[in-house]
Amino acid sequence: MSALENFEKMLAAGKDNLLLRYSLGNEYFKLGDFAAARAHLEAALVFDPRHSAAWKLLGKTLVESGALADALVVYQRGIAAAEEKGDLQAVKEMRVFAHRVEKQLAEPTA
């Protein structure tokens, strides 16, 4: 049984929590199922709105799915959450990611 199957089984059994939702989001991200990854990462953030890793992966998921404007908003919210938490490394990383998205959004489309 794969990790994803195990995680889905746990969720179906009612063991819903931050780590499980983050893990599900990560597994779906690896598979390229960005809609499922987004749903689980958003659910993870309901459990802990200051979970820096969930913000980072949600932003990455949105970038990969082409939702750049949404990704920028997520990174901005993630930066604020990480600053509040004192997670300076996550702040630095998300600022870099947000800057990249801003550059992509500013590029003229052909």
PDB file of N, CA and C in Angstrom:
ATOM      1  N   MET A   1       0.846  -1.175   0.000  1.00  0.00           N
ATOM      2  CA  MET A   1       0.000   0.000   0.000  1.00  0.00           C
ATOM      3  C   MET A   1       0.896   1.245   0.000  1.00  0.00           C
ATOM      4  N   SER A   2       0.574   2.206  -0.857  1.00  0.00           N
ATOM      5  CA  SER A   2       1.384   3.422  -0.970  1.00  0.00           C
ATOM      6  C   SER A   2       1.122   4.358   0.208  1.00  0.00           C
ATOM      7  N   ALA A   3       1.996   5.318   0.358  1.00  0.00           N
ATOM      8  CA  ALA A   3       1.813   6.327   1.410  1.00  0.00           C
ATOM      9  C   ALA A   3       0.497   7.055   1.200  1.00  0.00           C
ATOM     10  N   LEU A   4       0.193   7.397  -0.035  1.00  0.00           N
ATOM     11  CA  LEU A   4      -1.065   8.092  -0.331  1.00  0.00           C
ATOM     12  C   LEU A   4      -2.262   7.253   0.086  1.00  0.00           C
ATOM     13  N   GLU A   5      -2.226   5.976  -0.233  1.00  0.00           N
ATOM     14  CA  GLU A   5      -3.335   5.092   0.156  1.00  0.00           C
ATOM     15  C   GLU A   5      -3.470   5.019   1.677  1.00  0.00           C
ATOM     16  N   ASN A   6      -2.343   4.928   2.363  1.00  0.00           N
ATOM     17  CA  ASN A   6      -2.378   4.910   3.831  1.00  0.00           C
ATOM     18  C   ASN A   6      -2.967   6.191   4.390  1.00  0.00           C
ATOM     19  N   PHE A   7      -2.546   7.332   3.838  1.00  0.00           N
ATOM     20  CA  PHE A   7      -3.054   8.610   4.316  1.00  0.00           C
ATOM     21  C   PHE A   7      -4.551   8.745   4.053  1.00  0.00           C
ATOM     22  N   GLU A   8      -4.977   8.327   2.868  1.00  0.00           N
ATOM     23  CA  GLU A   8      -6.411   8.396   2.534  1.00  0.00           C
ATOM     24  C   GLU A   8      -7.228   7.490   3.462  1.00  0.00           C
ATOM     25  N   LYS A   9      -6.672   6.332   3.784  1.00  0.00           N
ATOM     26  CA  LYS A   9      -7.344   5.405   4.694  1.00  0.00           C
ATOM     27  C   LYS A   9      -7.480   6.038   6.084  1.00  0.00           C
ATOM     28  N   MET A  10      -6.437   6.713   6.539  1.00  0.00           N
ATOM     29  CA  MET A  10      -6.487   7.377   7.840  1.00  0.00           C
ATOM     30  C   MET A  10      -7.546   8.482   7.846  1.00  0.00           C
ATOM     31  N   LEU A  11      -7.593   9.249   6.773  1.00  0.00           N
ATOM     32  CA  LEU A  11      -8.581  10.320   6.684  1.00  0.00           C
ATOM     33  C   LEU A  11      -9.994   9.751   6.684  1.00  0.00           C
ATOM     34  N   ALA A  12     -10.188   8.680   5.932  1.00  0.00           N
ATOM     35  CA  ALA A  12     -11.506   8.035   5.880  1.00  0.00           C
ATOM     36  C   ALA A  12     -11.922   7.490   7.244  1.00  0.00           C
ATOM     37  N   ALA A  13     -10.934   7.139   8.063  1.00  0.00           N
ATOM     38  CA  ALA A  13     -11.220   6.620   9.407  1.00  0.00           C
ATOM     39  C   ALA A  13     -11.467   7.745  10.420  1.00  0.00           C
ATOM     40  N   GLY A  14     -11.407   9.002   9.946  1.00  0.00           N
ATOM     41  CA  GLY A  14     -11.711  10.125  10.819  1.00  0.00           C
ATOM     42  C   GLY A  14     -10.518  10.735  11.524  1.00  0.00           C
ATOM     43  N   LYS A  15      -9.319  10.378  11.109  1.00  0.00           N
ATOM     44  CA  LYS A  15      -8.110  10.911  11.756  1.00  0.00           C
ATOM     45  C   LYS A  15      -7.628  12.170  11.027  1.00  0.00           C
ATOM     46  N   ASP A  16      -8.456  13.176  11.031  1.00  0.00           N
ATOM     47  CA  ASP A  16      -8.168  14.409  10.317  1.00  0.00           C
ATOM     48  C   ASP A  16      -7.355  15.349  11.196  1.00  0.00           C
ATOM     49  N   ASN A  17      -6.168  15.748  10.704  1.00  0.00           N
ATOM     50  CA  ASN A  17      -5.329  16.682  11.449  1.00  0.00           C
ATOM     51  C   ASN A  17      -4.368  17.389  10.499  1.00  0.00           C
ATOM     52  N   LEU A  18      -3.630  18.343  11.047  1.00  0.00           N
ATOM     53  CA  LEU A  18      -2.702  19.152  10.255  1.00  0.00           C
ATOM     54  C   LEU A  18      -1.690  18.298   9.497  1.00  0.00           C
ATOM     55  N   LEU A  19      -0.995  17.436  10.198  1.00  0.00           N
ATOM     56  CA  LEU A  19       0.058  16.654   9.571  1.00  0.00           C
ATOM     57  C   LEU A  19      -0.488  15.731   8.479  1.00  0.00           C
ATOM     58  N   LEU A  20      -1.642  15.137   8.724  1.00  0.00           N
ATOM     59  CA  LEU A  20      -2.234  14.255   7.721  1.00  0.00           C
ATOM     60  C   LEU A  20      -2.606  15.042   6.468  1.00  0.00           C
ATOM     61  N   ARG A  21      -3.229  16.195   6.651  1.00  0.00           N
ATOM     62  CA  ARG A  21      -3.627  16.998   5.491  1.00  0.00           C
ATOM     63  C   ARG A  21      -2.407  17.518   4.728  1.00  0.00           C
ATOM     64  N   TYR A  22      -1.371  17.927   5.462  1.00  0.00           N
ATOM     65  CA  TYR A  22      -0.150  18.369   4.795  1.00  0.00           C
ATOM     66  C   TYR A  22       0.466  17.209   4.006  1.00  0.00           C
ATOM     67  N   SER A  23       0.510  16.043   4.620  1.00  0.00           N
ATOM     68  CA  SER A  23       1.083  14.856   3.961  1.00  0.00           C
ATOM     69  C   SER A  23       0.291  14.486   2.715  1.00  0.00           C
ATOM     70  N   LEU A  24      -1.028  14.546   2.802  1.00  0.00           N
ATOM     71  CA  LEU A  24      -1.862  14.277   1.627  1.00  0.00           C
ATOM     72  C   LEU A  24      -1.584  15.302   0.533  1.00  0.00           C
ATOM     73  N   GLY A  25      -1.510  16.565   0.915  1.00  0.00           N
ATOM     74  CA  GLY A  25      -1.210  17.602  -0.068  1.00  0.00           C
ATOM     75  C   GLY A  25       0.119  17.360  -0.747  1.00  0.00           C
ATOM     76  N   ASN A  26       1.114  16.973   0.017  1.00  0.00           N
ATOM     77  CA  ASN A  26       2.435  16.704  -0.523  1.00  0.00           C
ATOM     78  C   ASN A  26       2.412  15.515  -1.482  1.00  0.00           C
ATOM     79  N   GLU A  27       1.722  14.457  -1.110  1.00  0.00           N
ATOM     80  CA  GLU A  27       1.650  13.275  -1.980  1.00  0.00           C
ATOM     81  C   GLU A  27       0.922  13.591  -3.285  1.00  0.00           C
ATOM     82  N   TYR A  28      -0.187  14.324  -3.200  1.00  0.00           N
ATOM     83  CA  TYR A  28      -0.904  14.689  -4.421  1.00  0.00           C
ATOM     84  C   TYR A  28      -0.073  15.642  -5.280  1.00  0.00           C
ATOM     85  N   PHE A  29       0.690  16.528  -4.642  1.00  0.00           N
ATOM     86  CA  PHE A  29       1.575  17.419  -5.391  1.00  0.00           C
ATOM     87  C   PHE A  29       2.581  16.597  -6.192  1.00  0.00           C
ATOM     88  N   LYS A  30       3.191  15.605  -5.550  1.00  0.00           N
ATOM     89  CA  LYS A  30       4.180  14.754  -6.225  1.00  0.00           C
ATOM     90  C   LYS A  30       3.584  14.056  -7.443  1.00  0.00           C
ATOM     91  N   LEU A  31       2.285  13.730  -7.358  1.00  0.00           N
ATOM     92  CA  LEU A  31       1.608  13.050  -8.465  1.00  0.00           C
ATOM     93  C   LEU A  31       1.134  14.020  -9.545  1.00  0.00           C
ATOM     94  N   GLY A  32       1.244  15.321  -9.265  1.00  0.00           N
ATOM     95  CA  GLY A  32       0.778  16.310 -10.234  1.00  0.00           C
ATOM     96  C   GLY A  32      -0.712  16.566 -10.167  1.00  0.00           C
ATOM     97  N   ASP A  33      -1.368  16.081  -9.127  1.00  0.00           N
ATOM     98  CA  ASP A  33      -2.806  16.329  -8.936  1.00  0.00           C
ATOM     99  C   ASP A  33      -2.925  17.593  -8.076  1.00  0.00           C
ATOM    100  N   PHE A  34      -2.784  18.735  -8.750  1.00  0.00           N
ATOM    101  CA  PHE A  34      -2.699  19.998  -8.036  1.00  0.00           C
ATOM    102  C   PHE A  34      -4.014  20.421  -7.391  1.00  0.00           C
ATOM    103  N   ALA A  35      -5.140  20.029  -7.971  1.00  0.00           N
ATOM    104  CA  ALA A  35      -6.429  20.365  -7.363  1.00  0.00           C
ATOM    105  C   ALA A  35      -6.582  19.653  -6.021  1.00  0.00           C
ATOM    106  N   ALA A  36      -6.251  18.372  -5.973  1.00  0.00           N
ATOM    107  CA  ALA A  36      -6.340  17.624  -4.714  1.00  0.00           C
ATOM    108  C   ALA A  36      -5.309  18.143  -3.712  1.00  0.00           C
ATOM    109  N   ALA A  37      -4.110  18.440  -4.193  1.00  0.00           N
ATOM    110  CA  ALA A  37      -3.067  18.978  -3.303  1.00  0.00           C
ATOM    111  C   ALA A  37      -3.542  20.284  -2.683  1.00  0.00           C
ATOM    112  N   ARG A  38      -4.113  21.147  -3.499  1.00  0.00           N
ATOM    113  CA  ARG A  38      -4.605  22.444  -3.001  1.00  0.00           C
ATOM    114  C   ARG A  38      -5.666  22.250  -1.926  1.00  0.00           C
ATOM    115  N   ALA A  39      -6.604  21.367  -2.186  1.00  0.00           N
ATOM    116  CA  ALA A  39      -7.686  21.145  -1.217  1.00  0.00           C
ATOM    117  C   ALA A  39      -7.135  20.670   0.127  1.00  0.00           C
ATOM    118  N   HIS A  40      -6.206  19.752   0.101  1.00  0.00           N
ATOM    119  CA  HIS A  40      -5.658  19.228   1.360  1.00  0.00           C
ATOM    120  C   HIS A  40      -4.775  20.259   2.068  1.00  0.00           C
ATOM    121  N   LEU A  41      -4.019  21.023   1.313  1.00  0.00           N
ATOM    122  CA  LEU A  41      -3.168  22.039   1.944  1.00  0.00           C
ATOM    123  C   LEU A  41      -4.007  23.159   2.553  1.00  0.00           C
ATOM    124  N   GLU A  42      -5.077  23.528   1.878  1.00  0.00           N
ATOM    125  CA  GLU A  42      -5.983  24.524   2.452  1.00  0.00           C
ATOM    126  C   GLU A  42      -6.621  23.987   3.725  1.00  0.00           C
ATOM    127  N   ALA A  43      -6.956  22.704   3.732  1.00  0.00           N
ATOM    128  CA  ALA A  43      -7.510  22.087   4.942  1.00  0.00           C
ATOM    129  C   ALA A  43      -6.468  22.067   6.061  1.00  0.00           C
ATOM    130  N   ALA A  44      -5.211  21.832   5.714  1.00  0.00           N
ATOM    131  CA  ALA A  44      -4.139  21.841   6.723  1.00  0.00           C
ATOM    132  C   ALA A  44      -4.053  23.215   7.379  1.00  0.00           C
ATOM    133  N   LEU A  45      -4.194  24.263   6.583  1.00  0.00           N
ATOM    134  CA  LEU A  45      -4.078  25.613   7.112  1.00  0.00           C
ATOM    135  C   LEU A  45      -5.258  26.008   7.993  1.00  0.00           C
ATOM    136  N   VAL A  46      -6.348  25.304   7.881  1.00  0.00           N
ATOM    137  CA  VAL A  46      -7.464  25.522   8.813  1.00  0.00           C
ATOM    138  C   VAL A  46      -7.044  25.069  10.213  1.00  0.00           C
ATOM    139  N   PHE A  47      -6.292  23.977  10.266  1.00  0.00           N
ATOM    140  CA  PHE A  47      -5.800  23.479  11.551  1.00  0.00           C
ATOM    141  C   PHE A  47      -4.770  24.426  12.173  1.00  0.00           C
ATOM    142  N   ASP A  48      -3.873  24.966  11.340  1.00  0.00           N
ATOM    143  CA  ASP A  48      -2.851  25.885  11.835  1.00  0.00           C
ATOM    144  C   ASP A  48      -2.524  26.909  10.757  1.00  0.00           C
ATOM    145  N   PRO A  49      -3.128  28.092  10.845  1.00  0.00           N
ATOM    146  CA  PRO A  49      -2.900  29.126   9.832  1.00  0.00           C
ATOM    147  C   PRO A  49      -1.475  29.687   9.812  1.00  0.00           C
ATOM    148  N   ARG A  50      -0.636  29.256  10.737  1.00  0.00           N
ATOM    149  CA  ARG A  50       0.756  29.725  10.762  1.00  0.00           C
ATOM    150  C   ARG A  50       1.738  28.626  10.354  1.00  0.00           C
ATOM    151  N   HIS A  51       1.271  27.570   9.754  1.00  0.00           N
ATOM    152  CA  HIS A  51       2.132  26.456   9.349  1.00  0.00           C
ATOM    153  C   HIS A  51       2.873  26.828   8.062  1.00  0.00           C
ATOM    154  N   SER A  52       4.110  27.256   8.216  1.00  0.00           N
ATOM    155  CA  SER A  52       4.902  27.790   7.105  1.00  0.00           C
ATOM    156  C   SER A  52       5.057  26.809   5.947  1.00  0.00           C
ATOM    157  N   ALA A  53       5.312  25.558   6.260  1.00  0.00           N
ATOM    158  CA  ALA A  53       5.522  24.572   5.193  1.00  0.00           C
ATOM    159  C   ALA A  53       4.270  24.403   4.342  1.00  0.00           C
ATOM    160  N   ALA A  54       3.110  24.453   4.957  1.00  0.00           N
ATOM    161  CA  ALA A  54       1.861  24.334   4.203  1.00  0.00           C
ATOM    162  C   ALA A  54       1.668  25.540   3.283  1.00  0.00           C
ATOM    163  N   TRP A  55       1.991  26.729   3.772  1.00  0.00           N
ATOM    164  CA  TRP A  55       1.901  27.920   2.922  1.00  0.00           C
ATOM    165  C   TRP A  55       2.844  27.797   1.729  1.00  0.00           C
ATOM    166  N   LYS A  56       4.083  27.375   1.989  1.00  0.00           N
ATOM    167  CA  LYS A  56       5.057  27.252   0.898  1.00  0.00           C
ATOM    168  C   LYS A  56       4.602  26.246  -0.143  1.00  0.00           C
ATOM    169  N   LEU A  57       4.148  25.085   0.309  1.00  0.00           N
ATOM    170  CA  LEU A  57       3.735  24.057  -0.646  1.00  0.00           C
ATOM    171  C   LEU A  57       2.452  24.454  -1.374  1.00  0.00           C
ATOM    172  N   LEU A  58       1.551  25.141  -0.697  1.00  0.00           N
ATOM    173  CA  LEU A  58       0.339  25.615  -1.368  1.00  0.00           C
ATOM    174  C   LEU A  58       0.712  26.617  -2.455  1.00  0.00           C
ATOM    175  N   GLY A  59       1.631  27.520  -2.153  1.00  0.00           N
ATOM    176  CA  GLY A  59       2.069  28.467  -3.174  1.00  0.00           C
ATOM    177  C   GLY A  59       2.702  27.758  -4.364  1.00  0.00           C
ATOM    178  N   LYS A  60       3.544  26.790  -4.085  1.00  0.00           N
ATOM    179  CA  LYS A  60       4.194  26.021  -5.148  1.00  0.00           C
ATOM    180  C   LYS A  60       3.157  25.261  -5.983  1.00  0.00           C
ATOM    181  N   THR A  61       2.166  24.714  -5.309  1.00  0.00           N
ATOM    182  CA  THR A  61       1.085  24.002  -5.998  1.00  0.00           C
ATOM    183  C   THR A  61       0.352  24.927  -6.957  1.00  0.00           C
ATOM    184  N   LEU A  62       0.060  26.129  -6.494  1.00  0.00           N
ATOM    185  CA  LEU A  62      -0.653  27.090  -7.339  1.00  0.00           C
ATOM    186  C   LEU A  62       0.204  27.541  -8.519  1.00  0.00           C
ATOM    187  N   VAL A  63       1.492  27.722  -8.291  1.00  0.00           N
ATOM    188  CA  VAL A  63       2.390  28.070  -9.393  1.00  0.00           C
ATOM    189  C   VAL A  63       2.381  26.960 -10.435  1.00  0.00           C
ATOM    190  N   GLU A  64       2.542  25.736  -9.981  1.00  0.00           N
ATOM    191  CA  GLU A  64       2.582  24.593 -10.907  1.00  0.00           C
ATOM    192  C   GLU A  64       1.274  24.422 -11.674  1.00  0.00           C
ATOM    193  N   SER A  65       0.166  24.808 -11.066  1.00  0.00           N
ATOM    194  CA  SER A  65      -1.125  24.675 -11.743  1.00  0.00           C
ATOM    195  C   SER A  65      -1.437  25.880 -12.621  1.00  0.00           C
ATOM    196  N   GLY A  66      -0.554  26.883 -12.603  1.00  0.00           N
ATOM    197  CA  GLY A  66      -0.751  28.053 -13.451  1.00  0.00           C
ATOM    198  C   GLY A  66      -1.547  29.173 -12.823  1.00  0.00           C
ATOM    199  N   ALA A  67      -1.911  29.047 -11.569  1.00  0.00           N
ATOM    200  CA  ALA A  67      -2.695  30.068 -10.870  1.00  0.00           C
ATOM    201  C   ALA A  67      -1.743  31.052 -10.186  1.00  0.00           C
ATOM    202  N   LEU A  68      -1.054  31.832 -11.004  1.00  0.00           N
ATOM    203  CA  LEU A  68       0.006  32.695 -10.485  1.00  0.00           C
ATOM    204  C   LEU A  68      -0.511  33.784  -9.554  1.00  0.00           C
ATOM    205  N   ALA A  69      -1.615  34.408  -9.895  1.00  0.00           N
ATOM    206  CA  ALA A  69      -2.157  35.466  -9.029  1.00  0.00           C
ATOM    207  C   ALA A  69      -2.535  34.899  -7.668  1.00  0.00           C
ATOM    208  N   ASP A  70      -3.151  33.725  -7.658  1.00  0.00           N
ATOM    209  CA  ASP A  70      -3.498  33.073  -6.392  1.00  0.00           C
ATOM    210  C   ASP A  70      -2.236  32.713  -5.614  1.00  0.00           C
ATOM    211  N   ALA A  71      -1.214  32.247  -6.323  1.00  0.00           N
ATOM    212  CA  ALA A  71       0.042  31.878  -5.676  1.00  0.00           C
ATOM    213  C   ALA A  71       0.674  33.086  -4.992  1.00  0.00           C
ATOM    214  N   LEU A  72       0.634  34.233  -5.647  1.00  0.00           N
ATOM    215  CA  LEU A  72       1.204  35.441  -5.058  1.00  0.00           C
ATOM    216  C   LEU A  72       0.487  35.800  -3.758  1.00  0.00           C
ATOM    217  N   VAL A  73      -0.834  35.712  -3.775  1.00  0.00           N
ATOM    218  CA  VAL A  73      -1.614  35.993  -2.563  1.00  0.00           C
ATOM    219  C   VAL A  73      -1.245  35.002  -1.458  1.00  0.00           C
ATOM    220  N   VAL A  74      -1.120  33.745  -1.804  1.00  0.00           N
ATOM    221  CA  VAL A  74      -0.759  32.713  -0.823  1.00  0.00           C
ATOM    222  C   VAL A  74       0.622  32.988  -0.245  1.00  0.00           C
ATOM    223  N   TYR A  75       1.569  33.316  -1.090  1.00  0.00           N
ATOM    224  CA  TYR A  75       2.909  33.625  -0.578  1.00  0.00           C
ATOM    225  C   TYR A  75       2.884  34.841   0.346  1.00  0.00           C
ATOM    226  N   GLN A  76       2.123  35.857  -0.017  1.00  0.00           N
ATOM    227  CA  GLN A  76       2.030  37.044   0.837  1.00  0.00           C
ATOM    228  C   GLN A  76       1.422  36.698   2.197  1.00  0.00           C
ATOM    229  N   ARG A  77       0.379  35.893   2.179  1.00  0.00           N
ATOM    230  CA  ARG A  77      -0.238  35.473   3.439  1.00  0.00           C
ATOM    231  C   ARG A  77       0.703  34.565   4.228  1.00  0.00           C
ATOM    232  N   GLY A  78       1.433  33.709   3.515  1.00  0.00           N
ATOM    233  CA  GLY A  78       2.392  32.833   4.170  1.00  0.00           C
ATOM    234  C   GLY A  78       3.540  33.603   4.796  1.00  0.00           C
ATOM    235  N   ILE A  79       3.987  34.644   4.124  1.00  0.00           N
ATOM    236  CA  ILE A  79       5.052  35.493   4.676  1.00  0.00           C
ATOM    237  C   ILE A  79       4.577  36.133   5.971  1.00  0.00           C
ATOM    238  N   ALA A  80       3.364  36.666   5.966  1.00  0.00           N
ATOM    239  CA  ALA A  80       2.813  37.294   7.173  1.00  0.00           C
ATOM    240  C   ALA A  80       2.701  36.283   8.308  1.00  0.00           C
ATOM    241  N   ALA A  81       2.237  35.079   7.987  1.00  0.00           N
ATOM    242  CA  ALA A  81       2.098  34.036   9.014  1.00  0.00           C
ATOM    243  C   ALA A  81       3.455  33.625   9.566  1.00  0.00           C
ATOM    244  N   ALA A  82       4.426  33.473   8.681  1.00  0.00           N
ATOM    245  CA  ALA A  82       5.768  33.063   9.114  1.00  0.00           C
ATOM    246  C   ALA A  82       6.432  34.157   9.943  1.00  0.00           C
ATOM    247  N   GLU A  83       6.217  35.414   9.564  1.00  0.00           N
ATOM    248  CA  GLU A  83       6.769  36.520  10.353  1.00  0.00           C
ATOM    249  C   GLU A  83       6.164  36.515  11.754  1.00  0.00           C
ATOM    250  N   GLU A  84       4.858  36.314  11.819  1.00  0.00           N
ATOM    251  CA  GLU A  84       4.170  36.275  13.113  1.00  0.00           C
ATOM    252  C   GLU A  84       4.713  35.153  13.987  1.00  0.00           C
ATOM    253  N   LYS A  85       5.026  34.043  13.355  1.00  0.00           N
ATOM    254  CA  LYS A  85       5.526  32.867  14.065  1.00  0.00           C
ATOM    255  C   LYS A  85       7.020  32.973  14.384  1.00  0.00           C
ATOM    256  N   GLY A  86       7.717  33.857  13.672  1.00  0.00           N
ATOM    257  CA  GLY A  86       9.156  33.976  13.869  1.00  0.00           C
ATOM    258  C   GLY A  86       9.967  33.009  13.034  1.00  0.00           C
ATOM    259  N   ASP A  87       9.366  32.465  11.986  1.00  0.00           N
ATOM    260  CA  ASP A  87      10.028  31.502  11.107  1.00  0.00           C
ATOM    261  C   ASP A  87      10.738  32.269   9.982  1.00  0.00           C
ATOM    262  N   LEU A  88      11.903  32.798  10.303  1.00  0.00           N
ATOM    263  CA  LEU A  88      12.602  33.699   9.390  1.00  0.00           C
ATOM    264  C   LEU A  88      13.064  33.030   8.102  1.00  0.00           C
ATOM    265  N   GLN A  89      13.468  31.761   8.167  1.00  0.00           N
ATOM    266  CA  GLN A  89      13.887  31.058   6.954  1.00  0.00           C
ATOM    267  C   GLN A  89      12.723  30.931   5.977  1.00  0.00           C
ATOM    268  N   ALA A  90      11.553  30.599   6.487  1.00  0.00           N
ATOM    269  CA  ALA A  90      10.371  30.488   5.622  1.00  0.00           C
ATOM    270  C   ALA A  90      10.023  31.846   5.021  1.00  0.00           C
ATOM    271  N   VAL A  91      10.182  32.906   5.809  1.00  0.00           N
ATOM    272  CA  VAL A  91       9.928  34.256   5.288  1.00  0.00           C
ATOM    273  C   VAL A  91      10.843  34.529   4.101  1.00  0.00           C
ATOM    274  N   LYS A  92      12.135  34.256   4.258  1.00  0.00           N
ATOM    275  CA  LYS A  92      13.108  34.494   3.182  1.00  0.00           C
ATOM    276  C   LYS A  92      12.743  33.699   1.929  1.00  0.00           C
ATOM    277  N   GLU A  93      12.438  32.416   2.126  1.00  0.00           N
ATOM    278  CA  GLU A  93      12.119  31.558   0.983  1.00  0.00           C
ATOM    279  C   GLU A  93      10.869  32.043   0.251  1.00  0.00           C
ATOM    280  N   MET A  94       9.825  32.345   1.003  1.00  0.00           N
ATOM    281  CA  MET A  94       8.578  32.765   0.359  1.00  0.00           C
ATOM    282  C   MET A  94       8.719  34.133  -0.306  1.00  0.00           C
ATOM    283  N   ARG A  95       9.572  34.999   0.225  1.00  0.00           N
ATOM    284  CA  ARG A  95       9.820  36.281  -0.450  1.00  0.00           C
ATOM    285  C   ARG A  95      10.459  36.046  -1.818  1.00  0.00           C
ATOM    286  N   VAL A  96      11.405  35.109  -1.870  1.00  0.00           N
ATOM    287  CA  VAL A  96      12.032  34.769  -3.153  1.00  0.00           C
ATOM    288  C   VAL A  96      10.992  34.203  -4.114  1.00  0.00           C
ATOM    289  N   PHE A  97      10.174  33.277  -3.630  1.00  0.00           N
ATOM    290  CA  PHE A  97       9.149  32.666  -4.480  1.00  0.00           C
ATOM    291  C   PHE A  97       8.146  33.716  -4.955  1.00  0.00           C
ATOM    292  N   ALA A  98       7.737  34.608  -4.057  1.00  0.00           N
ATOM    293  CA  ALA A  98       6.773  35.659  -4.414  1.00  0.00           C
ATOM    294  C   ALA A  98       7.378  36.587  -5.470  1.00  0.00           C
ATOM    295  N   HIS A  99       8.640  36.906  -5.326  1.00  0.00           N
ATOM    296  CA  HIS A  99       9.305  37.772  -6.302  1.00  0.00           C
ATOM    297  C   HIS A  99       9.318  37.117  -7.687  1.00  0.00           C
ATOM    298  N   ARG A 100       9.584  35.830  -7.720  1.00  0.00           N
ATOM    299  CA  ARG A 100       9.573  35.106  -9.005  1.00  0.00           C
ATOM    300  C   ARG A 100       8.189  35.163  -9.644  1.00  0.00           C
ATOM    301  N   VAL A 101       7.159  34.981  -8.833  1.00  0.00           N
ATOM    302  CA  VAL A 101       5.792  35.028  -9.358  1.00  0.00           C
ATOM    303  C   VAL A 101       5.472  36.433  -9.855  1.00  0.00           C
ATOM    304  N   GLU A 102       5.881  37.457  -9.109  1.00  0.00           N
ATOM    305  CA  GLU A 102       5.652  38.836  -9.545  1.00  0.00           C
ATOM    306  C   GLU A 102       6.300  39.087 -10.903  1.00  0.00           C
ATOM    307  N   LYS A 103       7.501  38.573 -11.092  1.00  0.00           N
ATOM    308  CA  LYS A 103       8.192  38.730 -12.380  1.00  0.00           C
ATOM    309  C   LYS A 103       7.413  38.022 -13.491  1.00  0.00           C
ATOM    310  N   GLN A 104       6.920  36.813 -13.212  1.00  0.00           N
ATOM    311  CA  GLN A 104       6.143  36.087 -14.215  1.00  0.00           C
ATOM    312  C   GLN A 104       4.858  36.837 -14.560  1.00  0.00           C
ATOM    313  N   LEU A 105       4.216  37.389 -13.556  1.00  0.00           N
ATOM    314  CA  LEU A 105       2.969  38.113 -13.789  1.00  0.00           C
ATOM    315  C   LEU A 105       3.208  39.399 -14.593  1.00  0.00           C
ATOM    316  N   ALA A 106       4.385  39.980 -14.458  1.00  0.00           N
ATOM    317  CA  ALA A 106       4.713  41.222 -15.142  1.00  0.00           C
ATOM    318  C   ALA A 106       5.136  41.001 -16.593  1.00  0.00           C
ATOM    319  N   GLU A 107       5.491  39.761 -16.932  1.00  0.00           N
ATOM    320  CA  GLU A 107       5.920  39.468 -18.302  1.00  0.00           C
ATOM    321  C   GLU A 107       4.744  39.597 -19.249  1.00  0.00           C
ATOM    322  N   PRO A 108       4.989  40.244 -20.401  1.00  0.00           N
ATOM    323  CA  PRO A 108       3.904  40.348 -21.385  1.00  0.00           C
ATOM    324  C   PRO A 108       3.608  38.975 -21.986  1.00  0.00           C
ATOM    325  N   THR A 109       2.351  38.734 -22.212  1.00  0.00           N
ATOM    326  CA  THR A 109       1.963  37.457 -22.827  1.00  0.00           C
ATOM    327  C   THR A 109       1.982  37.594 -24.339  1.00  0.00           C
ATOM    328  N   ALA A 110       2.361  36.537 -25.005  1.00  0.00           N
ATOM    329  CA  ALA A 110       2.482  36.563 -26.456  1.00  0.00           C
ATOM    330  C   ALA A 110       1.170  36.304 -27.124  1.00  0.00           C
TER     331      ALA A 110
END
